[in-house]
Amino acid sequence: MKSRIIFIILLISLAFNVGFIVKYVHKVCKKPETIMPAPPKHDMKNQRFTPNENVIAARNDNIQLRKDFFTELAQPEVNNEIVNELLHKLDESQRLLEQAVLEHFIELRSNMEADEAETFFTRFLNRYETKNEGFSRKEIHRRKK
């Protein structure tokens, strides 16, 4: 009886090993496709916004000004002159950051086909519409209370 069980286990093990070897040999010997389809020019569905150097520089400047602003506010004695100066610099920095981002979008658009642009920029449009709808609902809910 024991020898029969060992024999069955051995056969099962042999079957698994043979299957694994056949699968491996088939994968290694498989011929690659001779005709490959050309990749699409741009895949705008999965493309993300990647900032250019101007956007990165403007963002880094804005972040540093924010750090300076909050560092000044964290001081035991707040110097209102410095805070107001940083506030004005932050305002200008934010404007320059937005301008750099929008110019980058214009540059991206100039390199796209019409259907690519529709797909890419519709995602942003949907995001803003959804964000504003949520904001409006929050405002309405607050006002009801």
C-alpha atoms as a PDB file:
ATOM      1  CA  MET A   1       0.000   0.000   0.000  1.00  0.00           C
ATOM      2  CA  LYS A   2       2.780   2.436   0.914  1.00  0.00           C
ATOM      3  CA  SER A   3       4.675   1.719  -2.259  1.00  0.00           C
ATOM      4  CA  ARG A   4       1.534   2.352  -4.288  1.00  0.00           C
ATOM      5  CA  ILE A   5       1.023   5.828  -2.643  1.00  0.00           C
ATOM      6  CA  ILE A   6       4.676   6.707  -3.198  1.00  0.00           C
ATOM      7  CA  PHE A   7       4.364   5.593  -6.830  1.00  0.00           C
ATOM      8  CA  ILE A   8       1.262   7.812  -7.340  1.00  0.00           C
ATOM      9  CA  ILE A   9       3.000  10.819  -5.725  1.00  0.00           C
ATOM     10  CA  LEU A  10       6.029  10.189  -7.917  1.00  0.00           C
ATOM     11  CA  LEU A  11       3.827  10.111 -11.056  1.00  0.00           C
ATOM     12  CA  ILE A  12       2.104  13.360 -10.055  1.00  0.00           C
ATOM     13  CA  SER A  13       5.460  15.016  -9.403  1.00  0.00           C
ATOM     14  CA  LEU A  14       6.766  13.759 -12.743  1.00  0.00           C
ATOM     15  CA  ALA A  15       3.684  15.151 -14.513  1.00  0.00           C
ATOM     16  CA  PHE A  16       4.185  18.580 -12.937  1.00  0.00           C
ATOM     17  CA  ASN A  17       7.874  18.607 -13.864  1.00  0.00           C
ATOM     18  CA  VAL A  18       7.170  17.553 -17.458  1.00  0.00           C
ATOM     19  CA  GLY A  19       4.468  20.245 -17.723  1.00  0.00           C
ATOM     20  CA  PHE A  20       6.820  22.885 -16.366  1.00  0.00           C
ATOM     21  CA  ILE A  21       9.622  21.886 -18.766  1.00  0.00           C
ATOM     22  CA  VAL A  22       7.264  21.856 -21.777  1.00  0.00           C
ATOM     23  CA  LYS A  23       5.904  25.290 -20.852  1.00  0.00           C
ATOM     24  CA  TYR A  24       9.429  26.676 -20.384  1.00  0.00           C
ATOM     25  CA  VAL A  25      10.688  25.259 -23.690  1.00  0.00           C
ATOM     26  CA  HIS A  26       7.593  26.586 -25.490  1.00  0.00           C
ATOM     27  CA  LYS A  27       8.170  30.065 -24.034  1.00  0.00           C
ATOM     28  CA  VAL A  28      11.879  30.101 -24.933  1.00  0.00           C
ATOM     29  CA  CYS A  29      11.418  28.730 -28.443  1.00  0.00           C
ATOM     30  CA  LYS A  30       8.408  30.868 -29.312  1.00  0.00           C
ATOM     31  CA  LYS A  31       9.132  32.992 -32.370  1.00  0.00           C
ATOM     32  CA  PRO A  32       8.652  36.727 -31.930  1.00  0.00           C
ATOM     33  CA  GLU A  33       5.951  38.433 -33.955  1.00  0.00           C
ATOM     34  CA  THR A  34       7.396  39.584 -37.264  1.00  0.00           C
ATOM     35  CA  ILE A  35       4.937  42.426 -37.766  1.00  0.00           C
ATOM     36  CA  MET A  36       4.545  44.806 -34.878  1.00  0.00           C
ATOM     37  CA  PRO A  37       1.967  47.561 -35.001  1.00  0.00           C
ATOM     38  CA  ALA A  38       3.354  51.078 -34.890  1.00  0.00           C
ATOM     39  CA  PRO A  39       2.920  52.721 -31.501  1.00  0.00           C
ATOM     40  CA  PRO A  40       0.507  55.628 -31.408  1.00  0.00           C
ATOM     41  CA  LYS A  41       2.084  59.053 -31.787  1.00  0.00           C
ATOM     42  CA  HIS A  42       0.937  60.133 -28.333  1.00  0.00           C
ATOM     43  CA  ASP A  43      -1.046  58.223 -25.776  1.00  0.00           C
ATOM     44  CA  MET A  44      -2.923  61.095 -24.176  1.00  0.00           C
ATOM     45  CA  LYS A  45      -5.214  58.907 -22.075  1.00  0.00           C
ATOM     46  CA  ASN A  46      -2.435  57.898 -19.722  1.00  0.00           C
ATOM     47  CA  GLN A  47      -0.200  60.920 -20.119  1.00  0.00           C
ATOM     48  CA  ARG A  48       0.275  63.017 -17.046  1.00  0.00           C
ATOM     49  CA  PHE A  49       1.212  66.638 -16.759  1.00  0.00           C
ATOM     50  CA  THR A  50       4.979  66.767 -16.453  1.00  0.00           C
ATOM     51  CA  PRO A  51       6.217  70.232 -15.636  1.00  0.00           C
ATOM     52  CA  ASN A  52       8.958  71.867 -17.657  1.00  0.00           C
ATOM     53  CA  GLU A  53      11.940  73.777 -16.225  1.00  0.00           C
ATOM     54  CA  ASN A  54      10.037  77.071 -15.969  1.00  0.00           C
ATOM     55  CA  VAL A  55       7.210  75.484 -13.992  1.00  0.00           C
ATOM     56  CA  ILE A  56       9.654  73.681 -11.677  1.00  0.00           C
ATOM     57  CA  ALA A  57      11.630  76.873 -11.030  1.00  0.00           C
ATOM     58  CA  ALA A  58       8.470  78.891 -10.351  1.00  0.00           C
ATOM     59  CA  ARG A  59       7.132  76.176  -8.031  1.00  0.00           C
ATOM     60  CA  ASN A  60      10.420  75.950  -6.115  1.00  0.00           C
ATOM     61  CA  ASP A  61      10.480  79.730  -5.703  1.00  0.00           C
ATOM     62  CA  ASN A  62       6.882  79.692  -4.466  1.00  0.00           C
ATOM     63  CA  ILE A  63       7.608  76.898  -1.982  1.00  0.00           C
ATOM     64  CA  GLN A  64      10.647  78.723  -0.611  1.00  0.00           C
ATOM     65  CA  LEU A  65       8.627  81.927  -0.156  1.00  0.00           C
ATOM     66  CA  ARG A  66       5.920  79.968   1.678  1.00  0.00           C
ATOM     67  CA  LYS A  67       8.567  78.477   3.981  1.00  0.00           C
ATOM     68  CA  ASP A  68       9.940  81.960   4.659  1.00  0.00           C
ATOM     69  CA  PHE A  69       6.419  83.288   5.285  1.00  0.00           C
ATOM     70  CA  PHE A  70       5.533  80.600   7.810  1.00  0.00           C
ATOM     71  CA  THR A  71       8.977  80.794   9.424  1.00  0.00           C
ATOM     72  CA  GLU A  72       8.402  84.494  10.011  1.00  0.00           C
ATOM     73  CA  LEU A  73       4.924  83.853  11.429  1.00  0.00           C
ATOM     74  CA  ALA A  74       6.405  81.249  13.798  1.00  0.00           C
ATOM     75  CA  GLN A  75       8.754  83.837  15.361  1.00  0.00           C
ATOM     76  CA  PRO A  76       7.951  84.952  18.913  1.00  0.00           C
ATOM     77  CA  GLU A  77       7.841  88.577  17.716  1.00  0.00           C
ATOM     78  CA  VAL A  78       6.170  88.933  14.314  1.00  0.00           C
ATOM     79  CA  ASN A  79       7.576  91.714  12.132  1.00  0.00           C
ATOM     80  CA  ASN A  80       4.585  92.964  10.145  1.00  0.00           C
ATOM     81  CA  GLU A  81       6.818  94.682   7.562  1.00  0.00           C
ATOM     82  CA  ILE A  82       8.554  91.424   6.696  1.00  0.00           C
ATOM     83  CA  VAL A  83       5.251  89.509   6.710  1.00  0.00           C
ATOM     84  CA  ASN A  84       3.639  92.021   4.335  1.00  0.00           C
ATOM     85  CA  GLU A  85       6.704  91.986   2.067  1.00  0.00           C
ATOM     86  CA  LEU A  86       6.640  88.182   1.945  1.00  0.00           C
ATOM     87  CA  LEU A  87       2.898  88.278   1.310  1.00  0.00           C
ATOM     88  CA  HIS A  88       3.401  90.499  -1.738  1.00  0.00           C
ATOM     89  CA  LYS A  89       6.267  88.313  -2.979  1.00  0.00           C
ATOM     90  CA  LEU A  90       4.091  85.233  -2.531  1.00  0.00           C
ATOM     91  CA  ASP A  91       1.285  86.852  -4.493  1.00  0.00           C
ATOM     92  CA  GLU A  92       3.643  87.642  -7.380  1.00  0.00           C
ATOM     93  CA  SER A  93       5.233  84.186  -7.160  1.00  0.00           C
ATOM     94  CA  GLN A  94       1.818  82.512  -7.360  1.00  0.00           C
ATOM     95  CA  ARG A  95       0.939  84.596 -10.409  1.00  0.00           C
ATOM     96  CA  LEU A  96       4.227  83.646 -12.107  1.00  0.00           C
ATOM     97  CA  LEU A  97       3.679  79.969 -11.269  1.00  0.00           C
ATOM     98  CA  GLU A  98       0.198  79.993 -12.795  1.00  0.00           C
ATOM     99  CA  GLN A  99       1.511  81.801 -15.862  1.00  0.00           C
ATOM    100  CA  ALA A 100       4.314  79.233 -16.306  1.00  0.00           C
ATOM    101  CA  VAL A 101       1.843  76.341 -16.014  1.00  0.00           C
ATOM    102  CA  LEU A 102      -0.602  77.859 -18.500  1.00  0.00           C
ATOM    103  CA  GLU A 103       2.191  78.646 -20.988  1.00  0.00           C
ATOM    104  CA  HIS A 104       3.355  75.044 -20.660  1.00  0.00           C
ATOM    105  CA  PHE A 105      -0.172  73.862 -21.473  1.00  0.00           C
ATOM    106  CA  ILE A 106      -0.162  76.056 -24.581  1.00  0.00           C
ATOM    107  CA  GLU A 107       3.185  74.565 -25.593  1.00  0.00           C
ATOM    108  CA  LEU A 108       1.863  71.028 -25.043  1.00  0.00           C
ATOM    109  CA  ARG A 109      -1.209  71.798 -27.133  1.00  0.00           C
ATOM    110  CA  SER A 110       0.891  72.972 -30.070  1.00  0.00           C
ATOM    111  CA  ASN A 111       2.437  69.474 -30.286  1.00  0.00           C
ATOM    112  CA  MET A 112      -0.869  67.562 -30.193  1.00  0.00           C
ATOM    113  CA  GLU A 113      -3.397  66.416 -32.720  1.00  0.00           C
ATOM    114  CA  ALA A 114      -6.991  67.601 -32.228  1.00  0.00           C
ATOM    115  CA  ASP A 115      -8.234  64.292 -30.781  1.00  0.00           C
ATOM    116  CA  GLU A 116      -5.238  64.034 -28.456  1.00  0.00           C
ATOM    117  CA  ALA A 117      -5.837  67.547 -27.172  1.00  0.00           C
ATOM    118  CA  GLU A 118      -9.513  66.828 -26.616  1.00  0.00           C
ATOM    119  CA  THR A 119      -8.702  63.727 -24.561  1.00  0.00           C
ATOM    120  CA  PHE A 120      -5.893  65.352 -22.575  1.00  0.00           C
ATOM    121  CA  PHE A 121      -7.555  68.667 -21.759  1.00  0.00           C
ATOM    122  CA  THR A 122     -11.018  67.210 -21.157  1.00  0.00           C
ATOM    123  CA  ARG A 123      -9.551  65.422 -18.129  1.00  0.00           C
ATOM    124  CA  PHE A 124      -8.556  68.790 -16.656  1.00  0.00           C
ATOM    125  CA  LEU A 125     -11.918  70.310 -17.524  1.00  0.00           C
ATOM    126  CA  ASN A 126     -13.751  67.431 -15.829  1.00  0.00           C
ATOM    127  CA  ARG A 127     -11.575  67.796 -12.747  1.00  0.00           C
ATOM    128  CA  TYR A 128     -12.411  71.500 -12.423  1.00  0.00           C
ATOM    129  CA  GLU A 129     -16.106  70.943 -13.040  1.00  0.00           C
ATOM    130  CA  THR A 130     -16.229  68.177 -10.428  1.00  0.00           C
ATOM    131  CA  LYS A 131     -14.244  70.247  -7.946  1.00  0.00           C
ATOM    132  CA  ASN A 132     -16.566  73.247  -8.360  1.00  0.00           C
ATOM    133  CA  GLU A 133     -19.690  71.108  -8.073  1.00  0.00           C
ATOM    134  CA  GLY A 134     -18.423  69.680  -4.797  1.00  0.00           C
ATOM    135  CA  PHE A 135     -17.570  73.147  -3.548  1.00  0.00           C
ATOM    136  CA  SER A 136     -21.014  74.440  -4.431  1.00  0.00           C
ATOM    137  CA  ARG A 137     -22.677  71.562  -2.617  1.00  0.00           C
ATOM    138  CA  LYS A 138     -20.534  72.230   0.470  1.00  0.00           C
ATOM    139  CA  GLU A 139     -21.434  75.927   0.401  1.00  0.00           C
ATOM    140  CA  ILE A 140     -25.146  75.169   0.064  1.00  0.00           C
ATOM    141  CA  HIS A 141     -24.934  72.671   2.930  1.00  0.00           C
ATOM    142  CA  ARG A 142     -23.157  75.232   5.154  1.00  0.00           C
ATOM    143  CA  ARG A 143     -25.677  77.936   4.392  1.00  0.00           C
ATOM    144  CA  LYS A 144     -28.592  75.659   5.308  1.00  0.00           C
ATOM    145  CA  LYS A 145     -27.205  75.182   8.835  1.00  0.00           C
END
